[in-house]
N, C-alpha and C. Protein backbone atom coordinates (compact mmCIF):
# COMPACT_ATOMS: atom_id res chain seq x y z
N MET A 1 -6.74 4.19 10.55
CA MET A 1 -6.18 3.32 11.48
C MET A 1 -4.55 3.47 12.02
N ALA A 2 -3.99 4.05 13.15
CA ALA A 2 -2.59 4.34 13.41
C ALA A 2 -1.87 3.38 13.56
N ASP A 3 -2.61 2.01 13.80
CA ASP A 3 -1.89 0.66 14.21
C ASP A 3 -1.25 0.29 12.48
N LYS A 4 -1.85 0.64 11.39
CA LYS A 4 -1.47 0.07 10.00
C LYS A 4 -0.04 1.15 9.51
N THR A 5 -0.43 2.20 10.06
CA THR A 5 0.72 3.69 9.83
C THR A 5 2.03 3.23 10.61
N LEU A 6 1.39 2.68 11.71
CA LEU A 6 2.81 2.03 12.75
C LEU A 6 3.69 1.10 12.12
N THR A 7 2.91 0.12 11.74
CA THR A 7 3.41 -1.16 11.14
C THR A 7 4.13 -0.88 9.69
N MET A 8 3.83 0.24 8.93
CA MET A 8 4.44 0.38 7.36
C MET A 8 5.92 1.70 8.55
N TYR A 9 5.60 2.26 9.79
CA TYR A 9 6.52 2.89 9.81
C TYR A 9 8.22 2.00 9.95
N MET A 10 7.51 1.24 11.05
CA MET A 10 8.33 -0.09 11.69
C MET A 10 8.76 -0.59 10.36
N LYS A 11 8.25 -1.05 9.57
CA LYS A 11 8.85 -1.64 8.47
C LYS A 11 9.93 -0.50 7.84
N CYS A 12 9.52 0.67 7.76
CA CYS A 12 10.75 1.31 6.85
C CYS A 12 11.96 1.55 7.53
N CYS A 13 11.49 1.85 9.28
CA CYS A 13 12.94 2.00 10.15
C CYS A 13 13.83 0.59 10.15
N ASP A 14 12.82 -0.52 9.76
CA ASP A 14 13.56 -2.03 9.59
C ASP A 14 14.63 -1.87 8.28
N MET A 15 13.81 -1.46 7.35
CA MET A 15 14.55 -1.42 6.26
C MET A 15 15.96 -0.73 6.39
N PHE A 16 15.45 0.67 6.93
CA PHE A 16 16.70 1.62 6.71
C PHE A 16 17.95 1.05 7.44
N TYR A 17 17.56 0.50 8.40
CA TYR A 17 18.70 -0.17 9.32
C TYR A 17 19.54 -1.49 8.88
N ALA A 18 18.67 -2.21 7.78
CA ALA A 18 19.34 -3.27 6.96
C ALA A 18 19.96 -2.76 5.46
N CYS A 19 19.98 -1.58 5.76
CA CYS A 19 20.63 -1.28 4.34
C CYS A 19 21.88 -1.00 4.22
N ASN A 20 22.55 -1.50 3.15
CA ASN A 20 23.90 -0.89 3.10
C ASN A 20 24.52 -0.31 1.96
N SER A 21 24.95 1.11 2.79
CA SER A 21 25.25 2.14 1.71
C SER A 21 25.88 1.96 0.74
N THR A 22 26.95 1.12 0.75
CA THR A 22 27.83 0.76 -0.60
C THR A 22 26.84 -0.11 -1.39
N ASN A 23 26.16 -0.50 -1.23
CA ASN A 23 25.10 -1.51 -2.47
C ASN A 23 23.44 -0.27 -2.15
N VAL A 24 23.71 0.55 -3.49
CA VAL A 24 22.12 1.21 -3.40
C VAL A 24 21.04 0.74 -3.56
N TYR A 25 21.38 -0.64 -4.35
CA TYR A 25 19.96 -1.67 -4.56
C TYR A 25 19.58 -1.89 -3.36
N THR A 26 20.10 -1.87 -2.24
CA THR A 26 19.87 -2.49 -0.41
C THR A 26 18.45 -1.40 -0.46
N PHE A 27 18.41 -0.02 -1.20
CA PHE A 27 17.68 0.75 -0.57
C PHE A 27 16.44 1.25 -1.50
N GLU A 28 16.09 -0.06 -2.69
CA GLU A 28 15.64 0.09 -3.60
C GLU A 28 13.97 0.02 -2.92
N GLU A 29 13.61 -1.09 -1.88
CA GLU A 29 12.32 -1.42 -1.71
C GLU A 29 12.30 0.15 -0.56
N LEU A 30 13.05 0.47 -0.09
CA LEU A 30 12.83 1.43 0.61
C LEU A 30 12.18 2.87 0.02
N THR A 31 12.88 2.90 -1.20
CA THR A 31 12.29 4.21 -2.12
C THR A 31 10.94 4.27 -2.39
N ASN A 32 10.51 2.82 -2.66
CA ASN A 32 8.96 2.37 -2.71
C ASN A 32 8.35 2.68 -1.63
N ILE A 33 8.47 2.15 -0.49
CA ILE A 33 7.65 2.14 0.68
C ILE A 33 7.53 3.48 1.68
N LEU A 34 8.42 4.43 1.26
CA LEU A 34 8.58 5.64 2.10
C LEU A 34 7.70 6.50 1.48
N PRO A 35 7.46 6.68 -0.14
CA PRO A 35 6.25 8.05 -0.40
C PRO A 35 5.14 6.91 0.06
N SER A 36 5.04 5.97 0.17
CA SER A 36 3.43 5.05 0.57
C SER A 36 3.17 5.68 2.25
N LEU A 37 4.04 5.31 3.12
CA LEU A 37 3.75 5.84 4.40
C LEU A 37 3.98 7.20 4.38
N ARG A 38 4.45 8.08 3.45
CA ARG A 38 3.90 9.84 3.85
C ARG A 38 2.63 9.75 2.84
N GLU A 39 2.25 9.11 2.12
CA GLU A 39 0.77 9.30 1.79
C GLU A 39 -0.40 8.92 3.27
N LYS A 40 0.08 7.76 4.09
CA LYS A 40 -0.68 7.93 5.34
C LYS A 40 -0.49 8.60 6.36
N LEU A 41 -0.07 9.55 6.12
CA LEU A 41 0.58 10.45 7.23
C LEU A 41 -0.11 12.05 6.50
N THR A 42 -0.65 12.04 5.85
CA THR A 42 -0.91 13.41 4.81
C THR A 42 -2.56 13.49 5.53
N CYS A 43 -2.52 14.61 5.83
CA CYS A 43 -3.96 15.60 6.11
C CYS A 43 -5.34 14.87 5.46
N TRP A 44 -5.95 14.48 5.37
CA TRP A 44 -7.48 14.27 4.72
C TRP A 44 -8.28 15.41 4.16
N SER A 45 -7.89 16.78 4.89
CA SER A 45 -8.68 17.80 4.76
C SER A 45 -7.50 18.66 4.04
N CYS A 46 -6.53 19.18 3.94
CA CYS A 46 -5.70 20.22 3.43
C CYS A 46 -4.54 18.94 2.45
N GLU A 47 -4.81 17.94 2.79
CA GLU A 47 -3.60 16.81 1.90
C GLU A 47 -2.43 17.39 1.83
N GLU A 48 -1.47 17.94 3.38
CA GLU A 48 -0.60 18.36 3.37
C GLU A 48 -0.01 17.14 4.35
N LEU A 49 1.31 17.36 4.59
CA LEU A 49 1.83 16.14 5.58
C LEU A 49 1.45 16.76 6.73
N LEU A 50 0.75 15.82 7.98
CA LEU A 50 0.33 16.33 9.08
C LEU A 50 1.04 17.19 9.77
N ASP A 51 0.65 18.08 10.52
CA ASP A 51 1.21 18.96 11.57
C ASP A 51 1.46 18.16 12.92
N HIS A 52 2.23 18.85 13.81
CA HIS A 52 2.54 18.33 15.16
C HIS A 52 1.68 17.50 16.12
N LYS A 53 0.23 18.00 15.52
CA LYS A 53 -0.70 17.35 16.65
C LYS A 53 -2.04 17.01 15.76
N PRO A 54 -1.55 15.54 15.55
CA PRO A 54 -2.48 15.05 14.63
C PRO A 54 -4.08 14.48 14.97
N PHE A 55 -4.97 14.40 14.43
CA PHE A 55 -6.54 13.80 14.96
C PHE A 55 -6.77 12.98 14.03
N THR A 56 -7.43 12.12 14.87
CA THR A 56 -8.18 10.81 14.12
C THR A 56 -9.40 10.58 14.86
N ALA A 57 -10.69 9.96 13.83
CA ALA A 57 -11.78 9.79 14.77
C ALA A 57 -11.82 9.23 16.16
N PRO A 58 -12.80 9.17 17.07
CA PRO A 58 -12.47 8.36 18.32
C PRO A 58 -13.08 6.94 17.99
N ASP A 59 -13.22 6.76 17.11
CA ASP A 59 -13.92 5.06 17.17
C ASP A 59 -13.26 4.82 15.94
N SER A 60 -11.80 4.80 15.36
CA SER A 60 -11.13 4.45 14.73
C SER A 60 -11.22 3.55 13.39
N LYS A 61 -12.72 3.88 13.14
CA LYS A 61 -12.98 2.76 11.84
C LYS A 61 -12.66 3.22 10.90
N CYS A 62 -12.36 4.76 10.41
CA CYS A 62 -11.54 4.90 9.02
C CYS A 62 -10.01 4.97 9.61
N SER A 63 -9.54 5.39 8.25
CA SER A 63 -7.85 5.59 8.27
C SER A 63 -7.67 7.04 8.00
N HIS A 64 -8.51 7.74 8.46
CA HIS A 64 -8.32 9.26 7.82
C HIS A 64 -7.29 9.81 9.29
N PHE A 65 -6.58 10.97 8.88
CA PHE A 65 -6.15 11.68 9.68
C PHE A 65 -6.40 13.45 9.52
N MET A 66 -6.16 13.99 10.38
CA MET A 66 -6.38 15.92 10.20
C MET A 66 -5.07 16.14 11.05
N CYS A 67 -4.63 17.72 10.54
CA CYS A 67 -3.71 18.33 11.20
C CYS A 67 -4.47 18.77 12.08
N GLY A 68 -4.07 19.46 13.00
CA GLY A 68 -4.38 19.92 14.27
C GLY A 68 -5.03 21.31 13.72
N ASP A 69 -4.08 22.07 13.15
CA ASP A 69 -4.68 23.34 12.50
C ASP A 69 -5.88 23.73 11.56
N CYS A 70 -6.41 21.95 10.75
CA CYS A 70 -7.34 21.88 9.92
C CYS A 70 -8.75 22.18 11.28
N ARG A 71 -8.47 20.87 12.11
CA ARG A 71 -9.68 20.55 12.81
C ARG A 71 -10.09 21.96 13.48
N ASP A 72 -9.14 22.86 13.80
CA ASP A 72 -9.04 23.88 14.58
C ASP A 72 -9.79 25.24 13.66
N THR A 73 -9.79 25.44 12.66
CA THR A 73 -10.48 26.10 11.72
C THR A 73 -11.45 25.57 11.08
N SER A 74 -12.14 24.65 11.01
CA SER A 74 -13.11 23.50 10.50
C SER A 74 -12.53 23.42 8.81
N ARG A 75 -11.83 23.58 8.39
CA ARG A 75 -11.30 23.58 7.02
C ARG A 75 -12.31 22.52 6.54
N PRO A 76 -12.85 22.61 5.26
CA PRO A 76 -14.01 21.88 4.72
C PRO A 76 -12.93 20.23 4.29
N PHE A 77 -13.82 19.47 4.14
CA PHE A 77 -13.34 18.14 4.33
C PHE A 77 -13.36 17.83 2.50
N VAL A 78 -12.15 16.99 2.33
CA VAL A 78 -11.53 16.82 0.94
C VAL A 78 -13.09 15.81 0.52
N GLY A 79 -13.02 15.23 1.36
CA GLY A 79 -14.41 13.59 1.03
C GLY A 79 -15.14 13.24 2.08
N LYS A 80 -16.02 12.71 1.47
CA LYS A 80 -17.25 12.45 2.62
C LYS A 80 -16.25 10.91 3.34
N CYS A 81 -16.41 11.44 4.51
CA CYS A 81 -16.38 10.02 5.61
C CYS A 81 -17.44 10.20 6.88
N GLN A 82 -18.37 9.10 7.32
CA GLN A 82 -19.03 9.45 7.88
C GLN A 82 -18.75 9.78 9.37
N HIS A 83 -17.35 9.15 9.75
CA HIS A 83 -16.75 9.62 11.00
C HIS A 83 -15.97 10.92 11.09
N CYS A 84 -15.04 10.89 9.93
CA CYS A 84 -14.45 12.37 9.82
C CYS A 84 -15.20 13.31 9.77
N ASN A 85 -16.62 13.65 9.11
CA ASN A 85 -17.06 14.32 9.17
C ASN A 85 -18.01 15.00 10.62
N LYS A 86 -17.63 14.29 11.27
CA LYS A 86 -18.11 14.47 12.90
C LYS A 86 -16.90 15.43 13.40
N TRP A 87 -16.31 16.56 12.63
CA TRP A 87 -15.12 16.92 12.77
C TRP A 87 -15.20 17.64 14.31
N ARG A 88 -15.96 17.71 14.97
CA ARG A 88 -15.68 18.34 16.30
C ARG A 88 -15.31 16.94 17.38
N GLN A 89 -15.37 15.51 17.18
CA GLN A 89 -15.57 14.96 17.49
C GLN A 89 -14.00 14.13 17.56
N LEU A 90 -12.98 14.68 16.95
CA LEU A 90 -12.11 13.78 16.21
C LEU A 90 -11.41 14.48 17.48
N LYS A 91 -10.61 13.30 17.93
CA LYS A 91 -9.55 13.24 18.96
C LYS A 91 -7.78 13.45 19.01
N ALA A 92 -7.24 14.14 19.44
CA ALA A 92 -5.56 14.00 19.08
C ALA A 92 -5.26 12.78 19.55
N ASN A 93 -4.67 11.98 18.45
CA ASN A 93 -3.47 10.88 18.59
C ASN A 93 -2.21 11.17 18.82
N PRO A 94 -1.98 10.96 19.96
CA PRO A 94 -0.50 10.83 20.70
C PRO A 94 0.18 9.28 19.91
N THR A 95 -0.01 8.79 19.49
CA THR A 95 0.55 7.62 18.89
C THR A 95 0.43 7.95 17.67
N LEU A 96 -0.29 8.46 16.82
CA LEU A 96 0.40 9.00 15.46
C LEU A 96 1.34 10.24 15.66
N ALA A 97 1.29 11.23 16.69
CA ALA A 97 2.36 12.27 16.77
C ALA A 97 3.80 11.51 16.77
N CYS A 98 3.91 10.64 17.46
CA CYS A 98 4.84 9.88 17.81
C CYS A 98 5.48 9.19 16.35
N ILE A 99 4.69 8.33 15.67
CA ILE A 99 4.95 7.82 14.64
C ILE A 99 5.14 8.85 13.49
N LEU A 100 4.80 10.24 13.30
CA LEU A 100 5.15 11.56 12.55
C LEU A 100 6.67 11.90 13.11
N LYS A 101 6.75 12.06 14.39
CA LYS A 101 7.90 12.69 14.50
C LYS A 101 9.16 11.60 14.15
N GLY A 102 8.79 10.23 14.25
CA GLY A 102 9.64 9.19 13.88
C GLY A 102 10.00 9.13 12.39
N TYR A 103 8.80 9.49 11.68
CA TYR A 103 8.62 9.66 10.49
C TYR A 103 9.95 10.55 10.33
N ILE A 104 9.62 11.71 10.16
CA ILE A 104 10.42 13.32 10.08
C ILE A 104 12.02 12.92 10.34
N THR A 105 12.33 12.29 11.28
CA THR A 105 13.47 11.81 11.85
C THR A 105 13.96 10.74 11.13
N LEU A 106 13.40 9.60 10.86
CA LEU A 106 13.48 8.72 9.53
C LEU A 106 14.14 9.61 8.45
N CYS A 107 13.61 10.07 7.84
CA CYS A 107 13.67 10.75 6.60
C CYS A 107 15.02 11.65 6.22
N ARG A 108 15.08 12.43 7.62
CA ARG A 108 16.07 12.92 8.01
C ARG A 108 17.60 12.52 7.91
N SER A 109 17.19 11.41 9.02
CA SER A 109 18.95 10.39 8.75
C SER A 109 19.13 10.05 7.71
N ILE A 110 18.11 9.66 6.42
CA ILE A 110 18.21 9.18 5.28
C ILE A 110 19.22 10.14 4.82
N SER A 111 18.53 11.74 5.07
CA SER A 111 19.24 12.43 4.06
C SER A 111 20.65 13.03 4.41
N ASP A 112 20.48 12.43 5.69
CA ASP A 112 22.67 12.56 6.10
C ASP A 112 23.21 11.84 5.44
N THR A 113 22.88 10.45 4.51
CA THR A 113 23.54 8.97 4.08
C THR A 113 24.31 9.75 2.55
N PRO A 114 25.01 9.36 1.85
CA PRO A 114 25.34 9.33 0.65
C PRO A 114 24.07 9.19 -0.17
N ILE A 115 23.09 8.33 0.15
CA ILE A 115 22.25 7.70 -0.92
C ILE A 115 21.50 8.89 -1.11
N LYS A 116 20.69 10.00 -0.35
CA LYS A 116 20.31 11.37 -1.08
C LYS A 116 20.89 11.32 -2.33
N THR A 117 22.21 12.04 -2.20
CA THR A 117 23.12 12.33 -3.17
C THR A 117 22.80 11.64 -4.59
N PHE A 118 23.43 10.03 -4.05
CA PHE A 118 22.99 9.10 -5.24
C PHE A 118 21.71 9.29 -5.96
N TYR A 119 20.22 9.40 -5.06
CA TYR A 119 19.35 9.24 -5.97
C TYR A 119 19.27 10.86 -6.60
N GLN A 120 19.72 11.71 -6.00
CA GLN A 120 19.21 13.32 -6.53
C GLN A 120 20.25 13.20 -8.25
N ASN A 121 21.37 12.18 -8.25
CA ASN A 121 22.34 12.21 -9.41
C ASN A 121 21.15 11.23 -10.49
N GLN A 122 20.79 10.19 -10.01
CA GLN A 122 19.85 9.39 -10.55
C GLN A 122 18.71 10.22 -11.29
N ALA A 123 18.21 10.95 -10.46
CA ALA A 123 16.56 11.71 -11.07
C ALA A 123 17.58 12.77 -11.78
N LYS A 124 18.84 13.69 -11.83
CA LYS A 124 19.37 14.31 -13.26
C LYS A 124 19.44 13.56 -14.26
N LEU A 125 20.11 12.59 -14.10
CA LEU A 125 20.27 11.79 -15.41
C LEU A 125 18.54 11.26 -15.94
N ALA A 126 17.94 10.53 -15.26
CA ALA A 126 16.34 10.51 -15.54
C ALA A 126 15.99 11.82 -16.48
N GLU A 127 16.21 13.06 -15.90
CA GLU A 127 15.65 14.15 -16.22
C GLU A 127 16.30 14.48 -17.79
N GLU A 128 17.44 14.59 -17.77
CA GLU A 128 18.13 14.92 -18.78
C GLU A 128 17.97 13.76 -20.23
N GLU A 129 17.52 12.56 -19.71
CA GLU A 129 17.34 11.65 -20.86
C GLU A 129 15.81 11.84 -21.17
N ASN A 130 15.14 12.49 -20.47
CA ASN A 130 13.72 12.41 -20.80
C ASN A 130 13.55 13.95 -21.53
N ASN A 131 14.31 14.86 -21.41
CA ASN A 131 14.65 15.75 -22.40
C ASN A 131 15.03 15.82 -23.52
N LYS A 132 16.04 14.68 -23.93
CA LYS A 132 16.60 14.30 -24.97
C LYS A 132 15.63 13.58 -26.05
N LYS A 133 14.63 12.64 -25.31
CA LYS A 133 13.46 12.08 -25.63
C LYS A 133 12.37 12.54 -26.09
N ARG A 134 12.35 13.81 -25.22
CA ARG A 134 11.14 15.08 -25.58
C ARG A 134 9.80 13.91 -24.86
N SER A 135 10.16 13.17 -24.10
CA SER A 135 9.42 12.21 -23.43
C SER A 135 7.63 13.28 -22.86
N THR A 136 6.43 12.44 -23.66
CA THR A 136 5.77 13.72 -22.93
C THR A 136 4.66 12.24 -22.04
N SER A 137 5.40 11.61 -21.25
CA SER A 137 4.91 10.71 -20.67
C SER A 137 3.94 11.33 -19.11
N LYS A 138 3.39 10.84 -18.46
CA LYS A 138 2.31 11.51 -17.04
C LYS A 138 3.26 10.94 -16.50
N LYS A 139 3.75 12.06 -15.53
CA LYS A 139 3.70 11.57 -13.78
C LYS A 139 2.75 11.49 -12.99
N LYS A 140 3.29 10.79 -12.04
CA LYS A 140 2.41 10.07 -11.21
C LYS A 140 2.14 11.29 -9.75
N ASN A 141 0.49 11.35 -9.46
CA ASN A 141 0.74 12.31 -8.24
C ASN A 141 1.49 11.97 -7.36
N ARG A 142 1.85 10.84 -6.76
CA ARG A 142 2.66 10.29 -5.40
C ARG A 142 3.68 11.14 -5.66
N MET A 143 4.54 11.40 -4.45
CA MET A 143 5.57 11.68 -4.08
C MET A 143 6.62 11.06 -4.18
N THR A 144 7.83 11.36 -5.08
CA THR A 144 9.27 10.65 -5.16
C THR A 144 10.20 10.80 -3.49
N PHE A 145 10.79 9.70 -3.64
CA PHE A 145 11.59 9.30 -2.74
C PHE A 145 12.29 10.61 -2.34
N LEU A 146 12.85 11.37 -3.54
CA LEU A 146 13.54 12.50 -2.94
C LEU A 146 12.38 13.88 -2.28
N GLN A 147 11.75 13.86 -3.10
CA GLN A 147 10.56 14.69 -2.52
C GLN A 147 10.01 14.91 -1.21
N VAL A 148 10.22 13.35 -0.70
CA VAL A 148 9.90 12.87 0.72
C VAL A 148 10.86 13.54 1.91
N LEU A 149 11.89 13.41 1.31
CA LEU A 149 12.88 13.53 2.37
C LEU A 149 13.05 15.22 1.99
N GLN A 150 12.99 15.71 1.08
CA GLN A 150 13.27 17.30 1.18
C GLN A 150 12.31 18.16 1.68
N GLU A 151 10.85 17.23 1.67
CA GLU A 151 9.52 17.51 2.78
C GLU A 151 10.39 17.59 4.81
N ALA A 152 10.48 16.36 4.69
CA ALA A 152 11.09 16.21 5.82
C ALA A 152 12.24 16.97 6.70
N ASP A 153 13.06 17.53 5.69
CA ASP A 153 14.26 18.48 5.72
C ASP A 153 13.59 19.80 5.88
N ASP A 154 11.94 20.27 5.13
CA ASP A 154 11.52 21.52 5.29
C ASP A 154 10.73 21.30 6.79
N TYR A 155 10.33 20.40 7.02
CA TYR A 155 9.38 20.11 8.26
C TYR A 155 9.62 21.09 9.38
N PRO A 156 9.06 21.98 10.36
CA PRO A 156 9.27 22.99 11.45
C PRO A 156 10.01 21.72 12.16
N LYS A 157 10.93 22.24 13.01
CA LYS A 157 11.35 21.68 14.18
C LYS A 157 10.76 21.72 15.31
N THR A 158 10.40 20.85 16.04
CA THR A 158 9.81 20.91 17.23
C THR A 158 10.64 21.66 18.42
N SER A 159 10.28 21.91 19.68
CA SER A 159 10.92 22.29 20.69
C SER A 159 11.75 21.64 21.44
N ASP A 160 11.26 20.53 21.70
CA ASP A 160 12.59 19.12 22.10
C ASP A 160 13.30 18.94 21.01
N GLU A 161 12.98 18.91 19.64
CA GLU A 161 14.21 18.61 18.62
C GLU A 161 14.98 19.77 18.51
N LEU A 162 14.91 21.04 19.01
CA LEU A 162 16.05 21.95 18.95
C LEU A 162 16.77 21.85 20.43
N VAL A 163 16.29 21.13 21.31
CA VAL A 163 16.92 21.04 22.71
C VAL A 163 17.68 19.63 22.74
N LEU A 164 17.09 18.65 21.92
CA LEU A 164 17.88 17.22 22.05
C LEU A 164 18.27 17.00 21.23
N GLY A 165 17.99 17.45 19.92
CA GLY A 165 18.75 16.94 18.65
C GLY A 165 17.97 15.71 17.93
N ASN A 166 18.66 15.33 16.84
CA ASN A 166 18.11 14.07 16.35
C ASN A 166 17.74 12.82 17.32
N PRO A 167 17.14 12.36 17.77
CA PRO A 167 17.02 11.17 18.58
C PRO A 167 17.36 9.97 18.18
N LEU A 168 17.37 10.04 16.78
CA LEU A 168 17.73 8.30 16.14
C LEU A 168 19.08 8.57 15.46
N PRO A 169 19.79 7.95 15.84
CA PRO A 169 21.16 8.16 15.02
C PRO A 169 21.42 7.61 13.95
N PRO A 170 21.92 8.11 12.47
CA PRO A 170 21.93 7.19 11.22
C PRO A 170 22.66 6.24 11.79
N PRO A 171 22.64 5.17 10.93
CA PRO A 171 23.48 3.77 11.41
C PRO A 171 24.98 4.47 10.64
N GLU A 172 26.21 3.58 10.69
CA GLU A 172 27.51 3.77 10.46
C GLU A 172 27.54 4.00 8.84
N ILE A 173 28.25 4.56 7.83
CA ILE A 173 27.45 4.72 6.59
C ILE A 173 29.23 4.52 6.21
N LYS A 174 29.67 3.55 4.92
CA LYS A 174 31.08 3.80 4.06
C LYS A 174 30.63 4.89 3.28
N GLN A 175 31.67 5.67 2.97
CA GLN A 175 31.41 6.77 2.00
C GLN A 175 31.46 6.37 0.42
N ASP A 176 31.93 5.13 0.33
CA ASP A 176 32.22 4.51 -1.34
C ASP A 176 31.00 4.49 -2.27
N ILE A 177 30.13 4.83 -2.39
CA ILE A 177 28.92 4.97 -3.49
C ILE A 177 29.32 4.60 -4.67
N LYS A 178 28.65 3.99 -5.32
CA LYS A 178 29.10 4.05 -6.94
C LYS A 178 28.14 4.17 -7.79
């Protein structure tokens, strides 16, 4: 259901605009919820971030989404869902396409702040610490905050983005993060 995904997206936007770049702890909740939103925007078939033309079941009884490419090529499904298995009946979802575009824009806006650099430095320190301890802990399958931002940076730009630029300006940021 795109409604739950829209609600989560709006929450991420609210969090981002409420963040204070001089206090990295204001980003803490956002760093947890943004990867969850990314999971919601995953194609049920290829398990990648949705493409520019996402599809959903017409009756919206499930919360699975599918890329246009996967639907067009009838790629095999990862799971079994009585609604999604009728892949010829899946409908383009313009609301979900807008959410996806907003999500990409939000991630790119976050990447334009000093917060990304702060978290990159934190990740390097954590990696060095783990190497010293020779930790054998298992990593989660869920994408990290930095992976989410990098994926959005790498996401192909649409023709209207190339013409119009970034439709969501980042908030004014003070540069002195410690």
